[in-house]
C-alpha atoms as a PDB file:
ATOM      1  CA  MET A   1      18.186  54.197  43.480  1.00  0.00           C
ATOM      2  CA  THR A   2      19.696  53.162  40.185  1.00  0.00           C
ATOM      3  CA  MET A   3      19.017  55.713  37.433  1.00  0.00           C
ATOM      4  CA  VAL A   4      17.312  54.638  34.155  1.00  0.00           C
ATOM      5  CA  TYR A   5      17.703  57.152  31.353  1.00  0.00           C
ATOM      6  CA  HIS A   6      15.075  57.917  28.613  1.00  0.00           C
ATOM      7  CA  GLU A   7      14.769  60.239  25.665  1.00  0.00           C
ATOM      8  CA  GLU A   8      14.332  63.356  27.669  1.00  0.00           C
ATOM      9  CA  HIS A   9      17.727  62.800  29.367  1.00  0.00           C
ATOM     10  CA  GLY A  10      19.718  62.945  26.120  1.00  0.00           C
ATOM     11  CA  ASP A  11      20.600  66.275  24.443  1.00  0.00           C
ATOM     12  CA  LEU A  12      22.062  65.939  20.980  1.00  0.00           C
ATOM     13  CA  SER A  13      23.422  69.417  21.100  1.00  0.00           C
ATOM     14  CA  TYR A  14      26.410  68.008  23.029  1.00  0.00           C
ATOM     15  CA  LEU A  15      27.386  66.312  19.759  1.00  0.00           C
ATOM     16  CA  SER A  16      26.967  69.425  17.621  1.00  0.00           C
ATOM     17  CA  GLY A  17      30.003  70.201  15.515  1.00  0.00           C
ATOM     18  CA  MET A  18      31.814  67.131  16.706  1.00  0.00           C
ATOM     19  CA  TYR A  19      32.992  64.071  14.705  1.00  0.00           C
ATOM     20  CA  VAL A  20      32.575  60.589  16.193  1.00  0.00           C
ATOM     21  CA  GLY A  21      35.180  58.047  15.176  1.00  0.00           C
ATOM     22  CA  ILE A  22      34.074  54.454  14.805  1.00  0.00           C
ATOM     23  CA  ILE A  23      36.951  52.039  15.069  1.00  0.00           C
ATOM     24  CA  GLY A  24      35.799  48.607  13.737  1.00  0.00           C
ATOM     25  CA  TYR A  25      32.948  48.000  11.210  1.00  0.00           C
ATOM     26  CA  GLY A  26      31.687  44.668  12.431  1.00  0.00           C
ATOM     27  CA  SER A  27      28.063  44.226  13.299  1.00  0.00           C
ATOM     28  CA  MET A  28      28.217  46.616  16.324  1.00  0.00           C
ATOM     29  CA  GLY A  29      30.436  49.181  14.559  1.00  0.00           C
ATOM     30  CA  ARG A  30      28.283  49.203  11.448  1.00  0.00           C
ATOM     31  CA  SER A  31      25.039  49.541  13.409  1.00  0.00           C
ATOM     32  CA  ALA A  32      26.598  52.392  15.607  1.00  0.00           C
ATOM     33  CA  ALA A  33      27.917  54.274  12.534  1.00  0.00           C
ATOM     34  CA  LEU A  34      24.555  54.003  10.642  1.00  0.00           C
ATOM     35  CA  ASN A  35      22.412  54.942  13.684  1.00  0.00           C
ATOM     36  CA  LEU A  36      24.554  57.928  14.601  1.00  0.00           C
ATOM     37  CA  ARG A  37      24.616  59.250  11.030  1.00  0.00           C
ATOM     38  CA  ASP A  38      20.866  58.900  10.746  1.00  0.00           C
ATOM     39  CA  SER A  39      20.573  60.932  13.971  1.00  0.00           C
ATOM     40  CA  GLY A  40      22.563  63.803  12.415  1.00  0.00           C
ATOM     41  CA  VAL A  41      25.906  63.019  13.893  1.00  0.00           C
ATOM     42  CA  GLN A  42      29.088  63.376  11.827  1.00  0.00           C
ATOM     43  CA  VAL A  43      30.872  59.974  11.629  1.00  0.00           C
ATOM     44  CA  VAL A  44      34.170  58.771  10.257  1.00  0.00           C
ATOM     45  CA  VAL A  45      35.207  55.065  10.231  1.00  0.00           C
ATOM     46  CA  SER A  46      38.275  53.101  10.633  1.00  0.00           C
ATOM     47  CA  GLU A  47      38.154  49.280   9.973  1.00  0.00           C
ATOM     48  CA  ALA A  48      41.002  48.074  12.200  1.00  0.00           C
ATOM     49  CA  ASP A  49      41.521  44.802  10.291  1.00  0.00           C
ATOM     50  CA  THR A  50      40.403  46.350   6.899  1.00  0.00           C
ATOM     51  CA  GLU A  51      38.181  43.262   6.243  1.00  0.00           C
ATOM     52  CA  ARG A  52      34.918  45.353   5.907  1.00  0.00           C
ATOM     53  CA  SER A  53      36.437  48.555   4.548  1.00  0.00           C
ATOM     54  CA  GLY A  54      34.693  48.101   1.217  1.00  0.00           C
ATOM     55  CA  LEU A  55      31.293  47.736   2.905  1.00  0.00           C
ATOM     56  CA  ALA A  56      31.918  50.996   4.948  1.00  0.00           C
ATOM     57  CA  ARG A  57      32.898  52.870   1.832  1.00  0.00           C
ATOM     58  CA  SER A  58      29.891  51.599  -0.167  1.00  0.00           C
ATOM     59  CA  GLU A  59      27.653  52.856   2.657  1.00  0.00           C
ATOM     60  CA  GLY A  60      29.117  56.330   2.379  1.00  0.00           C
ATOM     61  CA  PHE A  61      31.552  56.667   5.236  1.00  0.00           C
ATOM     62  CA  PRO A  62      34.965  58.405   4.908  1.00  0.00           C
ATOM     63  CA  MET A  63      37.563  55.792   5.657  1.00  0.00           C
ATOM     64  CA  LEU A  64      40.691  56.762   7.647  1.00  0.00           C
ATOM     65  CA  SER A  65      43.441  54.805   9.356  1.00  0.00           C
ATOM     66  CA  THR A  66      42.787  54.181  13.049  1.00  0.00           C
ATOM     67  CA  GLU A  67      45.526  56.753  13.942  1.00  0.00           C
ATOM     68  CA  GLU A  68      43.852  59.437  11.783  1.00  0.00           C
ATOM     69  CA  VAL A  69      40.515  58.682  13.298  1.00  0.00           C
ATOM     70  CA  VAL A  70      41.856  59.355  16.807  1.00  0.00           C
ATOM     71  CA  LYS A  71      43.727  62.456  15.723  1.00  0.00           C
ATOM     72  CA  ARG A  72      40.784  64.033  13.927  1.00  0.00           C
ATOM     73  CA  THR A  73      37.897  63.216  16.326  1.00  0.00           C
ATOM     74  CA  GLY A  74      37.015  64.051  19.866  1.00  0.00           C
ATOM     75  CA  ILE A  75      34.933  60.992  20.484  1.00  0.00           C
ATOM     76  CA  ILE A  76      36.391  57.586  19.738  1.00  0.00           C
ATOM     77  CA  MET A  77      34.113  54.483  19.824  1.00  0.00           C
ATOM     78  CA  LEU A  78      36.359  51.417  20.105  1.00  0.00           C
ATOM     79  CA  LEU A  79      34.171  48.652  18.749  1.00  0.00           C
ATOM     80  CA  VAL A  80      36.530  45.944  17.639  1.00  0.00           C
ATOM     81  CA  SER A  81      36.416  42.463  19.254  1.00  0.00           C
ATOM     82  CA  ASP A  82      37.554  42.062  22.922  1.00  0.00           C
ATOM     83  CA  GLU A  83      40.471  39.814  21.843  1.00  0.00           C
ATOM     84  CA  ILE A  84      42.172  42.358  19.584  1.00  0.00           C
ATOM     85  CA  MET A  85      41.059  45.481  21.417  1.00  0.00           C
ATOM     86  CA  PRO A  86      43.993  45.805  23.781  1.00  0.00           C
ATOM     87  CA  GLU A  87      46.504  45.625  20.955  1.00  0.00           C
ATOM     88  CA  VAL A  88      44.542  48.007  18.740  1.00  0.00           C
ATOM     89  CA  TYR A  89      44.274  50.451  21.683  1.00  0.00           C
ATOM     90  CA  LEU A  90      47.932  50.272  22.712  1.00  0.00           C
ATOM     91  CA  ASN A  91      49.457  50.593  19.189  1.00  0.00           C
ATOM     92  CA  GLN A  92      46.988  52.692  17.324  1.00  0.00           C
ATOM     93  CA  VAL A  93      44.759  54.599  19.708  1.00  0.00           C
ATOM     94  CA  SER A  94      46.618  55.513  22.931  1.00  0.00           C
ATOM     95  CA  PRO A  95      49.554  57.328  21.326  1.00  0.00           C
ATOM     96  CA  HIS A  96      47.218  59.817  19.723  1.00  0.00           C
ATOM     97  CA  LEU A  97      44.729  60.581  22.417  1.00  0.00           C
ATOM     98  CA  LYS A  98      44.307  64.301  23.256  1.00  0.00           C
ATOM     99  CA  ARG A  99      43.252  66.015  26.376  1.00  0.00           C
ATOM    100  CA  HIS A 100      39.472  65.722  27.012  1.00  0.00           C
ATOM    101  CA  ASP A 101      38.976  63.249  24.187  1.00  0.00           C
ATOM    102  CA  MET A 102      36.277  60.655  25.024  1.00  0.00           C
ATOM    103  CA  LEU A 103      36.886  56.969  24.668  1.00  0.00           C
ATOM    104  CA  VAL A 104      33.620  55.025  24.391  1.00  0.00           C
ATOM    105  CA  LEU A 105      33.313  51.210  24.575  1.00  0.00           C
ATOM    106  CA  CYS A 106      30.368  48.906  23.995  1.00  0.00           C
ATOM    107  CA  ASN A 107      31.463  46.544  26.777  1.00  0.00           C
ATOM    108  CA  ALA A 108      33.622  47.043  29.798  1.00  0.00           C
ATOM    109  CA  TYR A 109      35.631  43.791  29.760  1.00  0.00           C
ATOM    110  CA  ASN A 110      39.096  45.198  28.863  1.00  0.00           C
ATOM    111  CA  VAL A 111      38.879  48.192  31.147  1.00  0.00           C
ATOM    112  CA  ALA A 112      37.400  46.282  34.073  1.00  0.00           C
ATOM    113  CA  PHE A 113      40.056  43.627  34.000  1.00  0.00           C
ATOM    114  CA  GLY A 114      42.980  45.986  33.329  1.00  0.00           C
ATOM    115  CA  TYR A 115      43.798  45.060  29.780  1.00  0.00           C
ATOM    116  CA  ILE A 116      43.217  48.723  28.747  1.00  0.00           C
ATOM    117  CA  GLU A 117      44.162  51.557  31.036  1.00  0.00           C
ATOM    118  CA  PRO A 118      43.152  54.995  29.603  1.00  0.00           C
ATOM    119  CA  PRO A 119      45.223  57.988  30.575  1.00  0.00           C
ATOM    120  CA  PRO A 120      43.810  60.290  33.241  1.00  0.00           C
ATOM    121  CA  PHE A 121      43.341  63.252  30.835  1.00  0.00           C
ATOM    122  CA  VAL A 122      40.562  61.594  28.724  1.00  0.00           C
ATOM    123  CA  ASP A 123      36.929  60.767  29.418  1.00  0.00           C
ATOM    124  CA  VAL A 124      35.937  57.143  29.398  1.00  0.00           C
ATOM    125  CA  GLY A 125      32.269  56.157  28.724  1.00  0.00           C
ATOM    126  CA  LEU A 126      30.357  53.007  28.219  1.00  0.00           C
ATOM    127  CA  ILE A 127      27.259  52.274  26.167  1.00  0.00           C
ATOM    128  CA  ALA A 128      26.711  48.512  26.330  1.00  0.00           C
ATOM    129  CA  PRO A 129      23.636  47.307  24.342  1.00  0.00           C
ATOM    130  CA  ARG A 130      21.887  44.317  25.877  1.00  0.00           C
ATOM    131  CA  THR A 131      21.282  42.788  22.466  1.00  0.00           C
ATOM    132  CA  LEU A 132      23.190  41.749  19.325  1.00  0.00           C
ATOM    133  CA  GLY A 133      24.871  44.227  17.047  1.00  0.00           C
ATOM    134  CA  ASP A 134      22.488  43.710  14.136  1.00  0.00           C
ATOM    135  CA  ALA A 135      19.509  44.249  16.469  1.00  0.00           C
ATOM    136  CA  VAL A 136      20.889  47.708  17.475  1.00  0.00           C
ATOM    137  CA  ARG A 137      20.326  48.723  13.839  1.00  0.00           C
ATOM    138  CA  ALA A 138      17.042  46.884  13.337  1.00  0.00           C
ATOM    139  CA  ARG A 139      15.490  48.383  16.518  1.00  0.00           C
ATOM    140  CA  TYR A 140      16.685  51.897  15.564  1.00  0.00           C
ATOM    141  CA  ILE A 141      14.881  51.528  12.216  1.00  0.00           C
ATOM    142  CA  SER A 142      11.730  50.205  13.891  1.00  0.00           C
ATOM    143  CA  ARG A 143      11.965  53.021  16.410  1.00  0.00           C
ATOM    144  CA  GLU A 144      11.478  50.631  19.365  1.00  0.00           C
ATOM    145  CA  GLY A 145      15.045  51.215  20.597  1.00  0.00           C
ATOM    146  CA  PHE A 146      17.207  48.781  22.639  1.00  0.00           C
ATOM    147  CA  TYR A 147      18.196  48.545  26.287  1.00  0.00           C
ATOM    148  CA  SER A 148      21.704  49.242  27.334  1.00  0.00           C
ATOM    149  CA  PHE A 149      23.943  49.791  30.327  1.00  0.00           C
ATOM    150  CA  VAL A 150      25.689  53.139  30.499  1.00  0.00           C
ATOM    151  CA  ALA A 151      28.565  54.308  32.660  1.00  0.00           C
ATOM    152  CA  VAL A 152      31.327  56.904  32.979  1.00  0.00           C
ATOM    153  CA  GLY A 153      34.621  55.487  34.136  1.00  0.00           C
ATOM    154  CA  GLN A 154      36.559  58.741  33.945  1.00  0.00           C
ATOM    155  CA  ASP A 155      35.266  62.383  33.702  1.00  0.00           C
ATOM    156  CA  ALA A 156      38.363  64.439  32.889  1.00  0.00           C
ATOM    157  CA  SER A 157      36.351  67.097  30.966  1.00  0.00           C
ATOM    158  CA  GLY A 158      33.608  67.497  33.568  1.00  0.00           C
ATOM    159  CA  HIS A 159      30.846  66.799  30.997  1.00  0.00           C
ATOM    160  CA  ALA A 160      31.337  63.123  30.173  1.00  0.00           C
ATOM    161  CA  TRP A 161      27.841  62.167  31.310  1.00  0.00           C
ATOM    162  CA  PRO A 162      25.932  64.542  28.914  1.00  0.00           C
ATOM    163  CA  VAL A 163      28.029  63.280  26.074  1.00  0.00           C
ATOM    164  CA  VAL A 164      27.400  59.646  26.949  1.00  0.00           C
ATOM    165  CA  LEU A 165      23.679  60.229  27.164  1.00  0.00           C
ATOM    166  CA  ALA A 166      23.696  62.162  23.855  1.00  0.00           C
ATOM    167  CA  LEU A 167      25.468  59.286  22.183  1.00  0.00           C
ATOM    168  CA  ALA A 168      22.963  56.813  23.703  1.00  0.00           C
ATOM    169  CA  LYS A 169      20.109  58.905  22.346  1.00  0.00           C
ATOM    170  CA  ALA A 170      21.644  59.181  18.904  1.00  0.00           C
ATOM    171  CA  LEU A 171      22.189  55.371  18.896  1.00  0.00           C
ATOM    172  CA  GLY A 172      18.530  54.770  19.754  1.00  0.00           C
ATOM    173  CA  SER A 173      19.001  53.251  23.157  1.00  0.00           C
ATOM    174  CA  LEU A 174      17.160  55.975  25.165  1.00  0.00           C
ATOM    175  CA  ARG A 175      13.924  55.062  23.211  1.00  0.00           C
ATOM    176  CA  ALA A 176      13.902  51.813  25.285  1.00  0.00           C
ATOM    177  CA  GLY A 177      16.002  52.770  28.335  1.00  0.00           C
ATOM    178  CA  ALA A 178      19.570  52.974  29.499  1.00  0.00           C
ATOM    179  CA  VAL A 179      20.466  51.728  33.000  1.00  0.00           C
ATOM    180  CA  GLU A 180      23.305  53.343  34.890  1.00  0.00           C
ATOM    181  CA  ILE A 181      25.980  50.903  36.122  1.00  0.00           C
ATOM    182  CA  ARG A 182      29.644  50.746  36.998  1.00  0.00           C
ATOM    183  CA  PHE A 183      32.149  49.450  34.463  1.00  0.00           C
ATOM    184  CA  GLU A 184      33.077  46.449  36.722  1.00  0.00           C
ATOM    185  CA  GLN A 185      29.341  45.533  37.141  1.00  0.00           C
ATOM    186  CA  GLU A 186      28.713  45.449  33.452  1.00  0.00           C
ATOM    187  CA  ALA A 187      31.680  43.154  32.753  1.00  0.00           C
ATOM    188  CA  GLU A 188      30.799  40.884  35.636  1.00  0.00           C
ATOM    189  CA  LEU A 189      27.109  40.616  34.796  1.00  0.00           C
ATOM    190  CA  ASP A 190      27.864  39.897  31.168  1.00  0.00           C
ATOM    191  CA  LEU A 191      30.197  37.058  32.072  1.00  0.00           C
ATOM    192  CA  PHE A 192      27.885  35.700  34.744  1.00  0.00           C
ATOM    193  CA  ILE A 193      25.026  35.279  32.296  1.00  0.00           C
ATOM    194  CA  GLN A 194      27.403  33.570  29.841  1.00  0.00           C
ATOM    195  CA  GLN A 195      28.919  31.282  32.456  1.00  0.00           C
ATOM    196  CA  ALA A 196      26.182  30.609  35.043  1.00  0.00           C
ATOM    197  CA  VAL A 197      22.793  31.035  33.286  1.00  0.00           C
ATOM    198  CA  LEU A 198      23.420  29.924  29.736  1.00  0.00           C
ATOM    199  CA  PRO A 199      25.268  26.716  30.613  1.00  0.00           C
ATOM    200  CA  ALA A 200      22.413  25.804  33.005  1.00  0.00           C
ATOM    201  CA  PHE A 201      19.858  26.571  30.250  1.00  0.00           C
ATOM    202  CA  HIS A 202      21.795  24.374  27.798  1.00  0.00           C
ATOM    203  CA  HIS A 203      22.083  21.501  30.253  1.00  0.00           C
ATOM    204  CA  ILE A 204      18.364  21.580  30.985  1.00  0.00           C
ATOM    205  CA  LEU A 205      17.461  21.488  27.294  1.00  0.00           C
ATOM    206  CA  ILE A 206      19.966  18.658  26.505  1.00  0.00           C
ATOM    207  CA  THR A 207      18.823  16.609  29.462  1.00  0.00           C
ATOM    208  CA  ALA A 208      15.151  17.085  28.691  1.00  0.00           C
ATOM    209  CA  ALA A 209      15.554  16.225  24.996  1.00  0.00           C
ATOM    210  CA  ASN A 210      17.621  13.052  25.725  1.00  0.00           C
ATOM    211  CA  LEU A 211      15.053  11.945  28.345  1.00  0.00           C
ATOM    212  CA  LEU A 212      12.073  12.417  26.060  1.00  0.00           C
ATOM    213  CA  MET A 213      13.672  10.586  23.207  1.00  0.00           C
ATOM    214  CA  GLN A 214      14.733   7.709  25.507  1.00  0.00           C
ATOM    215  CA  HIS A 215      10.988   7.413  26.362  1.00  0.00           C
ATOM    216  CA  GLY A 216       9.949   7.113  22.794  1.00  0.00           C
ATOM    217  CA  TYR A 217       9.069  10.718  21.811  1.00  0.00           C
ATOM    218  CA  PRO A 218      10.021  11.524  18.260  1.00  0.00           C
ATOM    219  CA  PRO A 219      13.077  13.906  18.105  1.00  0.00           C
ATOM    220  CA  GLU A 220      11.115  16.194  15.767  1.00  0.00           C
ATOM    221  CA  ALA A 221       8.323  16.561  18.330  1.00  0.00           C
ATOM    222  CA  ALA A 222      10.524  16.843  21.370  1.00  0.00           C
ATOM    223  CA  LEU A 223      12.885  19.407  19.900  1.00  0.00           C
ATOM    224  CA  THR A 224      10.054  21.418  18.435  1.00  0.00           C
ATOM    225  CA  ASP A 225       8.248  21.631  21.691  1.00  0.00           C
ATOM    226  CA  LEU A 226      11.323  22.338  23.754  1.00  0.00           C
ATOM    227  CA  TYR A 227      12.559  25.342  21.791  1.00  0.00           C
ATOM    228  CA  LEU A 228      12.422  25.165  18.005  1.00  0.00           C
ATOM    229  CA  SER A 229       8.739  26.330  17.826  1.00  0.00           C
ATOM    230  CA  GLY A 230       9.659  29.598  19.448  1.00  0.00           C
ATOM    231  CA  GLU A 231       6.927  29.221  22.100  1.00  0.00           C
ATOM    232  CA  PHE A 232       9.471  29.563  24.869  1.00  0.00           C
ATOM    233  CA  THR A 233      10.993  32.597  23.222  1.00  0.00           C
ATOM    234  CA  ASP A 234       7.614  34.168  22.969  1.00  0.00           C
ATOM    235  CA  TYR A 235       6.981  33.513  26.692  1.00  0.00           C
ATOM    236  CA  MET A 236      10.223  35.120  27.599  1.00  0.00           C
ATOM    237  CA  ALA A 237       9.608  38.093  25.375  1.00  0.00           C
ATOM    238  CA  ARG A 238       6.275  38.628  27.013  1.00  0.00           C
ATOM    239  CA  ALA A 239       7.904  38.255  30.503  1.00  0.00           C
ATOM    240  CA  ALA A 240      10.382  41.017  29.509  1.00  0.00           C
ATOM    241  CA  GLN A 241       7.473  43.295  28.859  1.00  0.00           C
ATOM    242  CA  ILE A 242       5.158  42.560  31.734  1.00  0.00           C
ATOM    243  CA  GLY A 243       7.083  40.476  34.263  1.00  0.00           C
ATOM    244  CA  PHE A 244       7.160  36.684  34.931  1.00  0.00           C
ATOM    245  CA  ILE A 245       4.108  36.418  36.993  1.00  0.00           C
ATOM    246  CA  GLU A 246       1.889  38.364  34.584  1.00  0.00           C
ATOM    247  CA  ALA A 247       3.231  36.304  31.674  1.00  0.00           C
ATOM    248  CA  LEU A 248       2.519  33.119  33.632  1.00  0.00           C
ATOM    249  CA  ARG A 249      -1.083  34.358  34.112  1.00  0.00           C
ATOM    250  CA  LEU A 250      -1.548  34.378  30.355  1.00  0.00           C
ATOM    251  CA  THR A 251      -0.963  30.721  30.113  1.00  0.00           C
ATOM    252  CA  SER A 252      -3.549  28.062  30.837  1.00  0.00           C
ATOM    253  CA  LEU A 253      -4.576  27.283  34.423  1.00  0.00           C
ATOM    254  CA  THR A 254      -3.108  23.771  33.980  1.00  0.00           C
ATOM    255  CA  SER A 255       0.243  25.408  33.061  1.00  0.00           C
ATOM    256  CA  GLN A 256       0.058  27.841  36.017  1.00  0.00           C
ATOM    257  CA  TYR A 257      -0.572  25.055  38.456  1.00  0.00           C
ATOM    258  CA  GLY A 258       2.133  22.796  36.957  1.00  0.00           C
ATOM    259  CA  VAL A 259       4.759  25.512  37.118  1.00  0.00           C
ATOM    260  CA  LEU A 260       4.056  26.745  40.596  1.00  0.00           C
ATOM    261  CA  SER A 261       3.337  23.367  42.226  1.00  0.00           C
ATOM    262  CA  ARG A 262       6.495  21.771  40.823  1.00  0.00           C
ATOM    263  CA  PHE A 263       8.811  24.783  41.273  1.00  0.00           C
ATOM    264  CA  GLU A 264      10.274  23.595  44.605  1.00  0.00           C
ATOM    265  CA  ARG A 265      11.406  20.266  43.098  1.00  0.00           C
ATOM    266  CA  PHE A 266      14.014  22.235  41.235  1.00  0.00           C
ATOM    267  CA  GLU A 267      15.345  24.192  44.178  1.00  0.00           C
ATOM    268  CA  GLU A 268      18.918  22.966  44.321  1.00  0.00           C
ATOM    269  CA  SER A 269      21.420  24.218  46.852  1.00  0.00           C
ATOM    270  CA  LYS A 270      24.207  22.855  44.685  1.00  0.00           C
ATOM    271  CA  LEU A 271      23.116  25.129  41.790  1.00  0.00           C
ATOM    272  CA  GLU A 272      23.323  28.229  43.977  1.00  0.00           C
ATOM    273  CA  ARG A 273      26.817  27.278  45.117  1.00  0.00           C
ATOM    274  CA  VAL A 274      27.993  26.645  41.519  1.00  0.00           C
ATOM    275  CA  MET A 275      26.675  30.069  40.645  1.00  0.00           C
ATOM    276  CA  GLU A 276      28.505  31.577  43.645  1.00  0.00           C
ATOM    277  CA  ILE A 277      31.761  29.953  42.539  1.00  0.00           C
ATOM    278  CA  THR A 278      31.369  31.111  39.016  1.00  0.00           C
ATOM    279  CA  LEU A 279      30.741  34.774  40.209  1.00  0.00           C
ATOM    280  CA  GLU A 280      33.796  34.569  42.471  1.00  0.00           C
ATOM    281  CA  GLU A 281      36.003  33.491  39.624  1.00  0.00           C
ATOM    282  CA  ILE A 282      34.729  36.300  37.433  1.00  0.00           C
ATOM    283  CA  ARG A 283      35.057  39.070  40.080  1.00  0.00           C
ATOM    284  CA  ALA A 284      38.526  37.939  41.031  1.00  0.00           C
ATOM    285  CA  GLY A 285      39.672  38.132  37.476  1.00  0.00           C
ATOM    286  CA  ARG A 286      40.507  34.403  37.263  1.00  0.00           C
ATOM    287  CA  PHE A 287      38.292  33.813  34.266  1.00  0.00           C
ATOM    288  CA  ALA A 288      39.821  36.766  32.415  1.00  0.00           C
ATOM    289  CA  GLN A 289      43.328  35.367  33.010  1.00  0.00           C
ATOM    290  CA  GLU A 290      42.197  31.906  31.965  1.00  0.00           C
ATOM    291  CA  TRP A 291      40.673  33.234  28.712  1.00  0.00           C
ATOM    292  CA  ALA A 292      43.729  35.441  27.918  1.00  0.00           C
ATOM    293  CA  LYS A 293      45.952  32.331  28.099  1.00  0.00           C
ATOM    294  CA  GLU A 294      43.455  30.260  26.142  1.00  0.00           C
ATOM    295  CA  TYR A 295      43.273  32.873  23.384  1.00  0.00           C
ATOM    296  CA  SER A 296      47.070  33.430  23.280  1.00  0.00           C
ATOM    297  CA  ASP A 297      47.567  29.613  22.890  1.00  0.00           C
ATOM    298  CA  GLY A 298      45.293  29.519  19.820  1.00  0.00           C
ATOM    299  CA  ILE A 299      41.968  28.497  21.630  1.00  0.00           C
ATOM    300  CA  PRO A 300      42.830  24.706  21.761  1.00  0.00           C
ATOM    301  CA  ARG A 301      40.360  23.935  24.541  1.00  0.00           C
ATOM    302  CA  LEU A 302      37.518  25.924  22.890  1.00  0.00           C
ATOM    303  CA  LYS A 303      38.071  23.985  19.660  1.00  0.00           C
ATOM    304  CA  LYS A 304      37.985  20.719  21.471  1.00  0.00           C
ATOM    305  CA  LEU A 305      34.847  21.640  23.435  1.00  0.00           C
ATOM    306  CA  LEU A 306      33.097  22.743  20.220  1.00  0.00           C
ATOM    307  CA  LYS A 307      34.114  19.541  18.452  1.00  0.00           C
ATOM    308  CA  ASN A 308      32.848  17.413  21.258  1.00  0.00           C
ATOM    309  CA  ARG A 309      29.518  19.207  21.406  1.00  0.00           C
ATOM    310  CA  GLU A 310      28.994  19.184  17.663  1.00  0.00           C
ATOM    311  CA  SER A 311      29.614  15.419  17.533  1.00  0.00           C
ATOM    312  CA  MET A 312      26.531  14.767  19.768  1.00  0.00           C
ATOM    313  CA  GLU A 313      23.781  12.946  17.977  1.00  0.00           C
ATOM    314  CA  LEU A 314      21.241  15.452  19.296  1.00  0.00           C
ATOM    315  CA  TRP A 315      22.536  18.169  17.104  1.00  0.00           C
ATOM    316  CA  GLU A 316      22.271  16.155  13.931  1.00  0.00           C
ATOM    317  CA  MET A 317      18.610  15.443  14.920  1.00  0.00           C
ATOM    318  CA  GLU A 318      18.223  19.205  15.481  1.00  0.00           C
ATOM    319  CA  GLN A 319      19.388  20.057  11.940  1.00  0.00           C
ATOM    320  CA  GLN A 320      17.174  17.351  10.503  1.00  0.00           C
ATOM    321  CA  THR A 321      14.211  18.775  12.365  1.00  0.00           C
ATOM    322  CA  LEU A 322      14.980  22.309  11.202  1.00  0.00           C
ATOM    323  CA  ASP A 323      15.120  21.042   7.623  1.00  0.00           C
ATOM    324  CA  LEU A 324      11.627  19.560   8.091  1.00  0.00           C
ATOM    325  CA  LEU A 325      10.240  22.753   9.750  1.00  0.00           C
ATOM    326  CA  TYR A 326      11.905  25.062   7.226  1.00  0.00           C
ATOM    327  CA  PRO A 327      12.246  23.083   4.028  1.00  0.00           C
ATOM    328  CA  SER A 328      13.466  26.081   2.050  1.00  0.00           C
ATOM    329  CA  ARG A 329      16.099  27.295   4.413  1.00  0.00           C
ATOM    330  CA  ASN A 330      18.985  25.733   2.424  1.00  0.00           C
ATOM    331  CA  GLU A 331      17.723  26.574  -0.970  1.00  0.00           C
ATOM    332  CA  ASN A 332      19.859  28.925  -3.115  1.00  0.00           C
ATOM    333  CA  PRO A 333      17.844  31.837  -4.447  1.00  0.00           C
ATOM    334  CA  GLY A 334      17.441  32.107  -8.281  1.00  0.00           C
END
């Protein structure tokens, strides 16, 4: 049975007298630093690329070099982007790690695919929020918390788990719940959602929008009903709270019958096979290798794909519809 941890599982005394070093002050690093401090944890910050150093200082955090953060702290949260993380780790973190230090990541990508290999004498933990970095802060303030995956990849000290759970509690995750998982599983699940579920979702929306407009429905009406109104988001949010069937029961009888009676039309064996191939590529490390080469080459394919997608007439219609729905969204204040 997979363990799900809540508030009672985290003991902040494991962080007593310790400094937590935050490397990177982007949206996730900033949220982590503020949440930990508000929970009574002592925090120092290093901005690996110095871009947001001024913001960190203005918010009251002692700023140190990355090397000094690693030397002075026992818990190091490495929260820079995946693309620069291996270089930051290799050159600025790993040479200064001490026995029984804990290295904590917010996603398992670089460890799971071998781009970071921590030494055997340190603890390695994972607290991977299942939301955006800014939401980690917002949901701490609202006291609702956020869901996360937690894992221990190495337990050199013998008490890595209590420290990970203490950090998860201080961050605000245990208010919602933290699901125990393996490093490899977190990385693979994250990539699978990105590569198998979101592309299918985008394809469905684009196909539906084009079909409706071809049959004479105004773009403003089609796009609003498909996703801009937020009705679908509200439905998914309710499903996240009570489950899909119970959320469906809250819709009209016409809707319930329409969904369930037409469901089998969309059972497509090809879709399952496409998802299987995608998962195989991820688990074998082929995507990680492909992305590493793409990034080292200056992301030419990504730029081309973005340019092609942005040139679609649909997105111009989307922006026009957003302007009509939110007429003040582009106004400059005062």
